[in-house]
Amino acid sequence: MNLSKLLQYDLANETLILFGYTPFCGTCKLAEKMLDITTASIDITVMKIDLNYYEKLSKYYEIQSVPVMLFVTNGEVRDISYKFDSVTTLYENINFMLTKT
């Protein structure tokens, strides 16, 4: 599946976090705040999408719950995480994913 086509956004040469949420999810709101705090000190783009509008993406990547974080490199999903324990853990996980690429 072409992620760039699904999102209608060219991801060819980018490394980014795709944050999936639904608007009425309280946990998503908390996770979004944690992600915003974390990425303020890390040089990475965060794209936020309401998964209610991306059913094909959810099915293809077998998204099991929200919030979800997809780590994308050059248009390919490299890792999927549902873990938003703390800002510190999130920071460590993102840095780990950045060093894997």
PDB file of N, CA and C in Angstrom:
ATOM      1  N   MET A   1       0.834  -1.179   0.000  1.00  0.00           N
ATOM      2  CA  MET A   1       0.000   0.000   0.000  1.00  0.00           C
ATOM      3  C   MET A   1       0.878   1.241   0.000  1.00  0.00           C
ATOM      4  N   ASN A   2       0.523   2.223  -0.780  1.00  0.00           N
ATOM      5  CA  ASN A   2       1.268   3.463  -0.863  1.00  0.00           C
ATOM      6  C   ASN A   2       0.737   4.453   0.179  1.00  0.00           C
ATOM      7  N   LEU A   3       1.507   4.643   1.229  1.00  0.00           N
ATOM      8  CA  LEU A   3       1.103   5.514   2.324  1.00  0.00           C
ATOM      9  C   LEU A   3       0.946   6.957   1.849  1.00  0.00           C
ATOM     10  N   SER A   4       1.828   7.411   0.964  1.00  0.00           N
ATOM     11  CA  SER A   4       1.748   8.779   0.443  1.00  0.00           C
ATOM     12  C   SER A   4       0.432   9.016  -0.292  1.00  0.00           C
ATOM     13  N   LYS A   5       0.019   8.026  -1.060  1.00  0.00           N
ATOM     14  CA  LYS A   5      -1.233   8.152  -1.812  1.00  0.00           C
ATOM     15  C   LYS A   5      -2.432   8.178  -0.865  1.00  0.00           C
ATOM     16  N   LEU A   6      -2.399   7.331   0.135  1.00  0.00           N
ATOM     17  CA  LEU A   6      -3.484   7.274   1.121  1.00  0.00           C
ATOM     18  C   LEU A   6      -3.660   8.596   1.852  1.00  0.00           C
ATOM     19  N   LEU A   7      -2.542   9.210   2.205  1.00  0.00           N
ATOM     20  CA  LEU A   7      -2.587  10.446   2.973  1.00  0.00           C
ATOM     21  C   LEU A   7      -2.658  11.687   2.087  1.00  0.00           C
ATOM     22  N   GLN A   8      -2.454  11.512   0.797  1.00  0.00           N
ATOM     23  CA  GLN A   8      -2.394  12.610  -0.162  1.00  0.00           C
ATOM     24  C   GLN A   8      -1.332  13.626   0.259  1.00  0.00           C
ATOM     25  N   TYR A   9      -0.182  13.092   0.605  1.00  0.00           N
ATOM     26  CA  TYR A   9       0.938  13.901   1.071  1.00  0.00           C
ATOM     27  C   TYR A   9       2.208  13.148   0.697  1.00  0.00           C
ATOM     28  N   ASP A  10       3.160  13.817   0.072  1.00  0.00           N
ATOM     29  CA  ASP A  10       4.385  13.158  -0.376  1.00  0.00           C
ATOM     30  C   ASP A  10       5.315  12.894   0.806  1.00  0.00           C
ATOM     31  N   LEU A  11       5.541  11.621   1.079  1.00  0.00           N
ATOM     32  CA  LEU A  11       6.396  11.228   2.205  1.00  0.00           C
ATOM     33  C   LEU A  11       7.734  10.651   1.745  1.00  0.00           C
ATOM     34  N   ALA A  12       8.049  10.823   0.480  1.00  0.00           N
ATOM     35  CA  ALA A  12       9.192  10.144  -0.140  1.00  0.00           C
ATOM     36  C   ALA A  12      10.505  10.290   0.625  1.00  0.00           C
ATOM     37  N   ASN A  13      10.869  11.470   1.027  1.00  0.00           N
ATOM     38  CA  ASN A  13      12.178  11.668   1.658  1.00  0.00           C
ATOM     39  C   ASN A  13      12.057  12.163   3.087  1.00  0.00           C
ATOM     40  N   GLU A  14      11.032  11.706   3.776  1.00  0.00           N
ATOM     41  CA  GLU A  14      10.794  12.216   5.119  1.00  0.00           C
ATOM     42  C   GLU A  14      10.853  11.120   6.176  1.00  0.00           C
ATOM     43  N   THR A  15      11.256  11.540   7.348  1.00  0.00           N
ATOM     44  CA  THR A  15      11.133  10.717   8.542  1.00  0.00           C
ATOM     45  C   THR A  15      10.173  11.479   9.444  1.00  0.00           C
ATOM     46  N   LEU A  16       9.106  10.802   9.833  1.00  0.00           N
ATOM     47  CA  LEU A  16       8.104  11.485  10.638  1.00  0.00           C
ATOM     48  C   LEU A  16       7.341  10.503  11.504  1.00  0.00           C
ATOM     49  N   ILE A  17       6.581  11.076  12.421  1.00  0.00           N
ATOM     50  CA  ILE A  17       5.680  10.298  13.263  1.00  0.00           C
ATOM     51  C   ILE A  17       4.274  10.592  12.789  1.00  0.00           C
ATOM     52  N   LEU A  18       3.540   9.556  12.517  1.00  0.00           N
ATOM     53  CA  LEU A  18       2.131   9.673  12.152  1.00  0.00           C
ATOM     54  C   LEU A  18       1.337   9.314  13.400  1.00  0.00           C
ATOM     55  N   PHE A  19       0.687  10.305  13.984  1.00  0.00           N
ATOM     56  CA  PHE A  19      -0.066  10.113  15.219  1.00  0.00           C
ATOM     57  C   PHE A  19      -1.528   9.928  14.864  1.00  0.00           C
ATOM     58  N   GLY A  20      -2.068   8.754  15.154  1.00  0.00           N
ATOM     59  CA  GLY A  20      -3.461   8.457  14.864  1.00  0.00           C
ATOM     60  C   GLY A  20      -4.306   8.578  16.120  1.00  0.00           C
ATOM     61  N   TYR A  21      -5.439   9.237  15.975  1.00  0.00           N
ATOM     62  CA  TYR A  21      -6.329   9.476  17.110  1.00  0.00           C
ATOM     63  C   TYR A  21      -7.776   9.473  16.632  1.00  0.00           C
ATOM     64  N   THR A  22      -8.692   9.542  17.570  1.00  0.00           N
ATOM     65  CA  THR A  22     -10.094   9.831  17.275  1.00  0.00           C
ATOM     66  C   THR A  22     -10.492  10.987  18.190  1.00  0.00           C
ATOM     67  N   PRO A  23     -11.373  11.869  17.730  1.00  0.00           N
ATOM     68  CA  PRO A  23     -11.646  13.100  18.463  1.00  0.00           C
ATOM     69  C   PRO A  23     -12.273  12.946  19.852  1.00  0.00           C
ATOM     70  N   PHE A  24     -13.022  11.894  20.089  1.00  0.00           N
ATOM     71  CA  PHE A  24     -13.694  11.754  21.385  1.00  0.00           C
ATOM     72  C   PHE A  24     -12.938  10.849  22.355  1.00  0.00           C
ATOM     73  N   CYS A  25     -11.700  10.545  22.037  1.00  0.00           N
ATOM     74  CA  CYS A  25     -10.860   9.672  22.858  1.00  0.00           C
ATOM     75  C   CYS A  25     -10.068  10.519  23.858  1.00  0.00           C
ATOM     76  N   GLY A  26     -10.378  10.370  25.142  1.00  0.00           N
ATOM     77  CA  GLY A  26      -9.674  11.115  26.177  1.00  0.00           C
ATOM     78  C   GLY A  26      -8.208  10.742  26.280  1.00  0.00           C
ATOM     79  N   THR A  27      -7.911   9.466  26.130  1.00  0.00           N
ATOM     80  CA  THR A  27      -6.521   9.004  26.172  1.00  0.00           C
ATOM     81  C   THR A  27      -5.726   9.598  25.013  1.00  0.00           C
ATOM     82  N   CYS A  28      -6.389   9.764  23.864  1.00  0.00           N
ATOM     83  CA  CYS A  28      -5.725  10.357  22.695  1.00  0.00           C
ATOM     84  C   CYS A  28      -5.308  11.800  22.983  1.00  0.00           C
ATOM     85  N   LYS A  29      -6.161  12.542  23.658  1.00  0.00           N
ATOM     86  CA  LYS A  29      -5.858  13.935  23.987  1.00  0.00           C
ATOM     87  C   LYS A  29      -4.640  14.022  24.915  1.00  0.00           C
ATOM     88  N   LEU A  30      -4.584  13.140  25.890  1.00  0.00           N
ATOM     89  CA  LEU A  30      -3.450  13.104  26.806  1.00  0.00           C
ATOM     90  C   LEU A  30      -2.176  12.690  26.056  1.00  0.00           C
ATOM     91  N   ALA A  31      -2.278  11.657  25.232  1.00  0.00           N
ATOM     92  CA  ALA A  31      -1.122  11.186  24.462  1.00  0.00           C
ATOM     93  C   ALA A  31      -0.622  12.270  23.508  1.00  0.00           C
ATOM     94  N   GLU A  32      -1.549  13.018  22.916  1.00  0.00           N
ATOM     95  CA  GLU A  32      -1.165  14.102  22.001  1.00  0.00           C
ATOM     96  C   GLU A  32      -0.365  15.171  22.739  1.00  0.00           C
ATOM     97  N   LYS A  33      -0.790  15.530  23.946  1.00  0.00           N
ATOM     98  CA  LYS A  33      -0.054  16.514  24.746  1.00  0.00           C
ATOM     99  C   LYS A  33       1.344  16.001  25.086  1.00  0.00           C
ATOM    100  N   MET A  34       1.412  14.719  25.459  1.00  0.00           N
ATOM    101  CA  MET A  34       2.715  14.120  25.774  1.00  0.00           C
ATOM    102  C   MET A  34       3.617  14.123  24.548  1.00  0.00           C
ATOM    103  N   LEU A  35       3.053  13.796  23.389  1.00  0.00           N
ATOM    104  CA  LEU A  35       3.826  13.772  22.148  1.00  0.00           C
ATOM    105  C   LEU A  35       4.305  15.178  21.788  1.00  0.00           C
ATOM    106  N   ASP A  36       3.442  16.180  21.963  1.00  0.00           N
ATOM    107  CA  ASP A  36       3.821  17.568  21.689  1.00  0.00           C
ATOM    108  C   ASP A  36       4.991  18.009  22.578  1.00  0.00           C
ATOM    109  N   ILE A  37       4.922  17.667  23.864  1.00  0.00           N
ATOM    110  CA  ILE A  37       6.002  18.017  24.796  1.00  0.00           C
ATOM    111  C   ILE A  37       7.294  17.318  24.390  1.00  0.00           C
ATOM    112  N   THR A  38       7.188  16.046  24.056  1.00  0.00           N
ATOM    113  CA  THR A  38       8.363  15.249  23.695  1.00  0.00           C
ATOM    114  C   THR A  38       9.024  15.750  22.421  1.00  0.00           C
ATOM    115  N   THR A  39       8.225  15.980  21.398  1.00  0.00           N
ATOM    116  CA  THR A  39       8.803  16.350  20.097  1.00  0.00           C
ATOM    117  C   THR A  39       9.251  17.805  20.033  1.00  0.00           C
ATOM    118  N   ALA A  40       8.957  18.586  21.067  1.00  0.00           N
ATOM    119  CA  ALA A  40       9.467  19.957  21.117  1.00  0.00           C
ATOM    120  C   ALA A  40      10.990  19.961  21.222  1.00  0.00           C
ATOM    121  N   SER A  41      11.552  18.876  21.750  1.00  0.00           N
ATOM    122  CA  SER A  41      13.011  18.806  21.919  1.00  0.00           C
ATOM    123  C   SER A  41      13.675  17.812  20.954  1.00  0.00           C
ATOM    124  N   ILE A  42      12.901  17.260  20.032  1.00  0.00           N
ATOM    125  CA  ILE A  42      13.436  16.322  19.039  1.00  0.00           C
ATOM    126  C   ILE A  42      13.095  16.860  17.658  1.00  0.00           C
ATOM    127  N   ASP A  43      14.064  16.822  16.761  1.00  0.00           N
ATOM    128  CA  ASP A  43      13.841  17.320  15.406  1.00  0.00           C
ATOM    129  C   ASP A  43      13.160  16.250  14.549  1.00  0.00           C
ATOM    130  N   ILE A  44      11.828  16.185  14.650  1.00  0.00           N
ATOM    131  CA  ILE A  44      11.051  15.236  13.852  1.00  0.00           C
ATOM    132  C   ILE A  44       9.666  15.844  13.598  1.00  0.00           C
ATOM    133  N   THR A  45       9.161  15.609  12.419  1.00  0.00           N
ATOM    134  CA  THR A  45       7.830  16.085  12.058  1.00  0.00           C
ATOM    135  C   THR A  45       6.787  15.140  12.614  1.00  0.00           C
ATOM    136  N   VAL A  46       5.688  15.695  13.109  1.00  0.00           N
ATOM    137  CA  VAL A  46       4.563  14.902  13.586  1.00  0.00           C
ATOM    138  C   VAL A  46       3.350  15.262  12.737  1.00  0.00           C
ATOM    139  N   MET A  47       2.774  14.242  12.104  1.00  0.00           N
ATOM    140  CA  MET A  47       1.549  14.428  11.337  1.00  0.00           C
ATOM    141  C   MET A  47       0.433  13.767  12.127  1.00  0.00           C
ATOM    142  N   LYS A  48      -0.608  14.527  12.418  1.00  0.00           N
ATOM    143  CA  LYS A  48      -1.720  14.017  13.221  1.00  0.00           C
ATOM    144  C   LYS A  48      -2.910  13.760  12.308  1.00  0.00           C
ATOM    145  N   ILE A  49      -3.483  12.550  12.428  1.00  0.00           N
ATOM    146  CA  ILE A  49      -4.632  12.216  11.584  1.00  0.00           C
ATOM    147  C   ILE A  49      -5.754  11.600  12.412  1.00  0.00           C
ATOM    148  N   ASP A  50      -6.964  12.009  12.077  1.00  0.00           N
ATOM    149  CA  ASP A  50      -8.168  11.436  12.672  1.00  0.00           C
ATOM    150  C   ASP A  50      -8.434  10.129  11.936  1.00  0.00           C
ATOM    151  N   LEU A  51      -8.261   9.010  12.611  1.00  0.00           N
ATOM    152  CA  LEU A  51      -8.389   7.702  11.963  1.00  0.00           C
ATOM    153  C   LEU A  51      -9.809   7.376  11.514  1.00  0.00           C
ATOM    154  N   ASN A  52     -10.788   8.160  11.951  1.00  0.00           N
ATOM    155  CA  ASN A  52     -12.148   7.965  11.443  1.00  0.00           C
ATOM    156  C   ASN A  52     -12.213   8.191   9.941  1.00  0.00           C
ATOM    157  N   TYR A  53     -11.284   8.982   9.407  1.00  0.00           N
ATOM    158  CA  TYR A  53     -11.268   9.308   7.981  1.00  0.00           C
ATOM    159  C   TYR A  53     -10.266   8.476   7.186  1.00  0.00           C
ATOM    160  N   TYR A  54      -9.567   7.562   7.833  1.00  0.00           N
ATOM    161  CA  TYR A  54      -8.547   6.749   7.165  1.00  0.00           C
ATOM    162  C   TYR A  54      -8.765   5.266   7.445  1.00  0.00           C
ATOM    163  N   GLU A  55      -9.932   4.774   7.090  1.00  0.00           N
ATOM    164  CA  GLU A  55     -10.292   3.383   7.354  1.00  0.00           C
ATOM    165  C   GLU A  55      -9.360   2.408   6.632  1.00  0.00           C
ATOM    166  N   LYS A  56      -8.997   2.708   5.391  1.00  0.00           N
ATOM    167  CA  LYS A  56      -8.112   1.823   4.634  1.00  0.00           C
ATOM    168  C   LYS A  56      -6.750   1.703   5.305  1.00  0.00           C
ATOM    169  N   LEU A  57      -6.232   2.817   5.792  1.00  0.00           N
ATOM    170  CA  LEU A  57      -4.951   2.811   6.492  1.00  0.00           C
ATOM    171  C   LEU A  57      -5.047   1.967   7.752  1.00  0.00           C
ATOM    172  N   SER A  58      -6.127   2.143   8.508  1.00  0.00           N
ATOM    173  CA  SER A  58      -6.325   1.386   9.747  1.00  0.00           C
ATOM    174  C   SER A  58      -6.401  -0.113   9.486  1.00  0.00           C
ATOM    175  N   LYS A  59      -7.101  -0.477   8.440  1.00  0.00           N
ATOM    176  CA  LYS A  59      -7.229  -1.900   8.106  1.00  0.00           C
ATOM    177  C   LYS A  59      -5.912  -2.469   7.608  1.00  0.00           C
ATOM    178  N   TYR A  60      -5.230  -1.746   6.735  1.00  0.00           N
ATOM    179  CA  TYR A  60      -3.988  -2.252   6.153  1.00  0.00           C
ATOM    180  C   TYR A  60      -2.922  -2.486   7.218  1.00  0.00           C
ATOM    181  N   TYR A  61      -2.771  -1.537   8.129  1.00  0.00           N
ATOM    182  CA  TYR A  61      -1.755  -1.655   9.176  1.00  0.00           C
ATOM    183  C   TYR A  61      -2.289  -2.328  10.441  1.00  0.00           C
ATOM    184  N   GLU A  62      -3.527  -2.804  10.373  1.00  0.00           N
ATOM    185  CA  GLU A  62      -4.162  -3.519  11.477  1.00  0.00           C
ATOM    186  C   GLU A  62      -4.078  -2.736  12.787  1.00  0.00           C
ATOM    187  N   ILE A  63      -4.448  -1.455  12.707  1.00  0.00           N
ATOM    188  CA  ILE A  63      -4.464  -0.596  13.883  1.00  0.00           C
ATOM    189  C   ILE A  63      -5.491  -1.162  14.860  1.00  0.00           C
ATOM    190  N   GLN A  64      -5.036  -1.482  16.063  1.00  0.00           N
ATOM    191  CA  GLN A  64      -5.881  -2.152  17.039  1.00  0.00           C
ATOM    192  C   GLN A  64      -6.577  -1.195  17.999  1.00  0.00           C
ATOM    193  N   SER A  65      -5.971  -0.042  18.232  1.00  0.00           N
ATOM    194  CA  SER A  65      -6.566   0.913  19.152  1.00  0.00           C
ATOM    195  C   SER A  65      -5.946   2.287  18.929  1.00  0.00           C
ATOM    196  N   VAL A  66      -6.542   3.260  19.557  1.00  0.00           N
ATOM    197  CA  VAL A  66      -5.996   4.604  19.535  1.00  0.00           C
ATOM    198  C   VAL A  66      -5.738   5.028  20.973  1.00  0.00           C
ATOM    199  N   PRO A  67      -4.753   5.855  21.194  1.00  0.00           N
ATOM    200  CA  PRO A  67      -3.883   6.493  20.224  1.00  0.00           C
ATOM    201  C   PRO A  67      -2.828   5.525  19.692  1.00  0.00           C
ATOM    202  N   VAL A  68      -2.311   5.876  18.516  1.00  0.00           N
ATOM    203  CA  VAL A  68      -1.283   5.051  17.899  1.00  0.00           C
ATOM    204  C   VAL A  68      -0.238   5.968  17.266  1.00  0.00           C
ATOM    205  N   MET A  69       0.988   5.509  17.282  1.00  0.00           N
ATOM    206  CA  MET A  69       2.085   6.252  16.686  1.00  0.00           C
ATOM    207  C   MET A  69       2.767   5.358  15.659  1.00  0.00           C
ATOM    208  N   LEU A  70       2.789   5.818  14.410  1.00  0.00           N
ATOM    209  CA  LEU A  70       3.468   5.086  13.347  1.00  0.00           C
ATOM    210  C   LEU A  70       4.733   5.856  13.010  1.00  0.00           C
ATOM    211  N   PHE A  71       5.854   5.166  13.049  1.00  0.00           N
ATOM    212  CA  PHE A  71       7.129   5.792  12.719  1.00  0.00           C
ATOM    213  C   PHE A  71       7.391   5.538  11.245  1.00  0.00           C
ATOM    214  N   VAL A  72       7.453   6.616  10.453  1.00  0.00           N
ATOM    215  CA  VAL A  72       7.538   6.521   8.996  1.00  0.00           C
ATOM    216  C   VAL A  72       8.890   7.036   8.504  1.00  0.00           C
ATOM    217  N   THR A  73       9.539   6.237   7.656  1.00  0.00           N
ATOM    218  CA  THR A  73      10.778   6.646   7.010  1.00  0.00           C
ATOM    219  C   THR A  73      10.642   6.408   5.519  1.00  0.00           C
ATOM    220  N   ASN A  74      10.872   7.450   4.739  1.00  0.00           N
ATOM    221  CA  ASN A  74      10.798   7.380   3.276  1.00  0.00           C
ATOM    222  C   ASN A  74       9.497   6.751   2.780  1.00  0.00           C
ATOM    223  N   GLY A  75       8.401   7.117   3.413  1.00  0.00           N
ATOM    224  CA  GLY A  75       7.092   6.653   2.976  1.00  0.00           C
ATOM    225  C   GLY A  75       6.702   5.268   3.437  1.00  0.00           C
ATOM    226  N   GLU A  76       7.551   4.621   4.238  1.00  0.00           N
ATOM    227  CA  GLU A  76       7.258   3.278   4.732  1.00  0.00           C
ATOM    228  C   GLU A  76       7.126   3.285   6.249  1.00  0.00           C
ATOM    229  N   VAL A  77       6.123   2.588   6.745  1.00  0.00           N
ATOM    230  CA  VAL A  77       5.938   2.461   8.193  1.00  0.00           C
ATOM    231  C   VAL A  77       6.970   1.469   8.714  1.00  0.00           C
ATOM    232  N   ARG A  78       7.831   1.952   9.615  1.00  0.00           N
ATOM    233  CA  ARG A  78       8.906   1.120  10.177  1.00  0.00           C
ATOM    234  C   ARG A  78       8.543   0.508  11.521  1.00  0.00           C
ATOM    235  N   ASP A  79       7.645   1.180  12.235  1.00  0.00           N
ATOM    236  CA  ASP A  79       7.293   0.697  13.562  1.00  0.00           C
ATOM    237  C   ASP A  79       5.931   1.281  13.950  1.00  0.00           C
ATOM    238  N   ILE A  80       5.186   0.534  14.736  1.00  0.00           N
ATOM    239  CA  ILE A  80       3.895   0.983  15.242  1.00  0.00           C
ATOM    240  C   ILE A  80       3.916   0.827  16.756  1.00  0.00           C
ATOM    241  N   SER A  81       3.500   1.880  17.455  1.00  0.00           N
ATOM    242  CA  SER A  81       3.511   1.835  18.913  1.00  0.00           C
ATOM    243  C   SER A  81       2.206   2.380  19.473  1.00  0.00           C
ATOM    244  N   TYR A  82       1.734   1.715  20.500  1.00  0.00           N
ATOM    245  CA  TYR A  82       0.539   2.147  21.224  1.00  0.00           C
ATOM    246  C   TYR A  82       0.923   2.626  22.624  1.00  0.00           C
ATOM    247  N   LYS A  83       2.215   2.713  22.880  1.00  0.00           N
ATOM    248  CA  LYS A  83       2.735   2.945  24.215  1.00  0.00           C
ATOM    249  C   LYS A  83       2.973   4.436  24.475  1.00  0.00           C
ATOM    250  N   PHE A  84       2.204   4.989  25.385  1.00  0.00           N
ATOM    251  CA  PHE A  84       2.341   6.385  25.783  1.00  0.00           C
ATOM    252  C   PHE A  84       2.378   6.442  27.311  1.00  0.00           C
ATOM    253  N   ASP A  85       3.362   5.750  27.895  1.00  0.00           N
ATOM    254  CA  ASP A  85       3.460   5.643  29.360  1.00  0.00           C
ATOM    255  C   ASP A  85       3.778   6.971  30.037  1.00  0.00           C
ATOM    256  N   SER A  86       4.817   7.627  29.522  1.00  0.00           N
ATOM    257  CA  SER A  86       5.267   8.893  30.110  1.00  0.00           C
ATOM    258  C   SER A  86       6.038   9.662  29.050  1.00  0.00           C
ATOM    259  N   VAL A  87       6.277  10.925  29.306  1.00  0.00           N
ATOM    260  CA  VAL A  87       7.056  11.740  28.369  1.00  0.00           C
ATOM    261  C   VAL A  87       8.471  11.174  28.251  1.00  0.00           C
ATOM    262  N   THR A  88       9.035  10.748  29.354  1.00  0.00           N
ATOM    263  CA  THR A  88      10.392  10.185  29.350  1.00  0.00           C
ATOM    264  C   THR A  88      10.467   8.928  28.495  1.00  0.00           C
ATOM    265  N   THR A  89       9.526   8.011  28.678  1.00  0.00           N
ATOM    266  CA  THR A  89       9.501   6.775  27.889  1.00  0.00           C
ATOM    267  C   THR A  89       9.273   7.077  26.415  1.00  0.00           C
ATOM    268  N   LEU A  90       8.390   7.994  26.139  1.00  0.00           N
ATOM    269  CA  LEU A  90       8.110   8.390  24.763  1.00  0.00           C
ATOM    270  C   LEU A  90       9.358   8.975  24.106  1.00  0.00           C
ATOM    271  N   TYR A  91      10.065   9.826  24.833  1.00  0.00           N
ATOM    272  CA  TYR A  91      11.312  10.427  24.348  1.00  0.00           C
ATOM    273  C   TYR A  91      12.340   9.337  24.021  1.00  0.00           C
ATOM    274  N   GLU A  92      12.496   8.384  24.919  1.00  0.00           N
ATOM    275  CA  GLU A  92      13.453   7.293  24.702  1.00  0.00           C
ATOM    276  C   GLU A  92      13.058   6.434  23.502  1.00  0.00           C
ATOM    277  N   ASN A  93      11.768   6.133  23.370  1.00  0.00           N
ATOM    278  CA  ASN A  93      11.298   5.310  22.248  1.00  0.00           C
ATOM    279  C   ASN A  93      11.506   6.012  20.912  1.00  0.00           C
ATOM    280  N   ILE A  94      11.214   7.293  20.852  1.00  0.00           N
ATOM    281  CA  ILE A  94      11.396   8.040  19.600  1.00  0.00           C
ATOM    282  C   ILE A  94      12.871   8.122  19.246  1.00  0.00           C
ATOM    283  N   ASN A  95      13.726   8.409  20.228  1.00  0.00           N
ATOM    284  CA  ASN A  95      15.167   8.453  19.958  1.00  0.00           C
ATOM    285  C   ASN A  95      15.688   7.100  19.500  1.00  0.00           C
ATOM    286  N   PHE A  96      15.186   6.038  20.097  1.00  0.00           N
ATOM    287  CA  PHE A  96      15.592   4.693  19.688  1.00  0.00           C
ATOM    288  C   PHE A  96      15.195   4.441  18.237  1.00  0.00           C
ATOM    289  N   MET A  97      13.965   4.818  17.872  1.00  0.00           N
ATOM    290  CA  MET A  97      13.513   4.615  16.499  1.00  0.00           C
ATOM    291  C   MET A  97      14.315   5.449  15.517  1.00  0.00           C
ATOM    292  N   LEU A  98      14.721   6.647  15.923  1.00  0.00           N
ATOM    293  CA  LEU A  98      15.519   7.497  15.040  1.00  0.00           C
ATOM    294  C   LEU A  98      16.908   6.918  14.809  1.00  0.00           C
ATOM    295  N   THR A  99      17.460   6.239  15.804  1.00  0.00           N
ATOM    296  CA  THR A  99      18.782   5.649  15.634  1.00  0.00           C
ATOM    297  C   THR A  99      18.745   4.351  14.830  1.00  0.00           C
ATOM    298  N   LYS A 100      17.560   3.738  14.746  1.00  0.00           N
ATOM    299  CA  LYS A 100      17.425   2.502  13.960  1.00  0.00           C
ATOM    300  C   LYS A 100      17.433   2.770  12.465  1.00  0.00           C
ATOM    301  N   THR A 101      17.095   3.985  12.052  1.00  0.00           N
ATOM    302  CA  THR A 101      16.993   4.277  10.616  1.00  0.00           C
ATOM    303  C   THR A 101      18.289   4.685  10.022  1.00  0.00           C
TER     304      THR A 101
END
